[in-house]
Amino acid sequence: MNTRRRIMLASGAGALATQWPLTASAQAFPSKPIRFVMPYPPGGSSEILARPIAQEMTKQLGTSVIIDFKPGGGTTIGADMIAKSAPDGYNIVMMLSAHAINATLMPKLPYDTVRDFAPITIAATLPLVVVVPAQSTIRSMADLLARARANPGKLTFASAGPGNTSHLSVEYLKSMLGLDMIHVPYKGSGPAIIGLLGGEVDFMFDSLSSSLPQIKGGKFRAIAMASAQRSRILPDVPTVAESGVPGFDVSVWYSVLAAAGTPAPIINKLHAEIVRAMRSPETKEKIEAAGYDIVGSSPEQAGEFIKAEIVRWSKVVKDSGATIN
């Protein structure tokens, strides 16, 4: 089952937040700027998705929605800031799949992944693309796998950081096929792309939106899609599953969260405004052109999906032996 369908089936509560009545307090919200925290460095896939949403919400709400970068700690610095912020809706964060992964990867998290956050929506999903430098002699996923089998412990792969989806997707592949490859973590997708461009590593599983400019510019070669289905943006690139690894399916999901205890009417209004922003013609075109699939799940669906993802990724983390204290 693909990621988008798992999200929409995560909760039996089918009512959309946009259909719920808003109280007077929610109708008055917001009365000051909203801070939209990005727990990653600039230039990554979270900013590519969040910036047009924030710009459209600013128009809709008549008050600024300000992107605020708080990278570090494998997303925990930005997440902790929101977990400990006032539960009033004026501080929200975009968390990726790493949010669910960290629940197992980091046993000493300064917050509880479920209890300390109020989910607003799973905004979108994005397939991962397997990329190599254009000058690489690796021309297909079959080439990459053959190289890895013939040279155990020598092939290197970049990631946006330990425990990131770009890291654990390869760990998942390694566990499925019994491969031995070397992980080279970077501090975000942007630095990892620079490392791959510079020939510091052999390949990377990267978010499509981050690598697409390099693919279109002829600097990266896309050899496979990690998702279950081919991308509409790169329809000629086969999936990993098509390339000899049946059942392989990894996509990145993007959630928007507030602090636990934020009143439901404010959560509902934020949900309505985020979904409206994503589906406005100009913003929708920008988001989909970058390879994202818009979801806009209800807060209940988002919460249940995140819980399910914590369970799903816990096995991959444990099998990989990865841990960060």
Foldseek 3Di string as FASTA:
>chain_A
DFPLVCLQPLDPPPDFLLPDDFDPLQVPPDPAEAEEEEQADPLAPVCLQVVLLQVLLCVVVVYHHHYDYNYDPQSLRLVVCQLPDDLARRYKYKDKLLLLQCQQQEVPRPDHSQQWWQFLFQFWKFWWFKKAFLPDPQQAVLSVVVVQVVDAADAEEEDCAPSDCFVLLVLVVCVQPVTHYHYDYDNGPVVRVVCRLVVVHGITGGTQLSCVVCCVVSGMHTHAIQAPAAFPLCNVHHHVCVVPRPPGHDMMIITMIGTPPNDSSNSSSVLVSSNVSCPDVVNVVSQVNSRIGTRSHGSVSVSSSSVVSSVVSSVSCVSSVRHDD
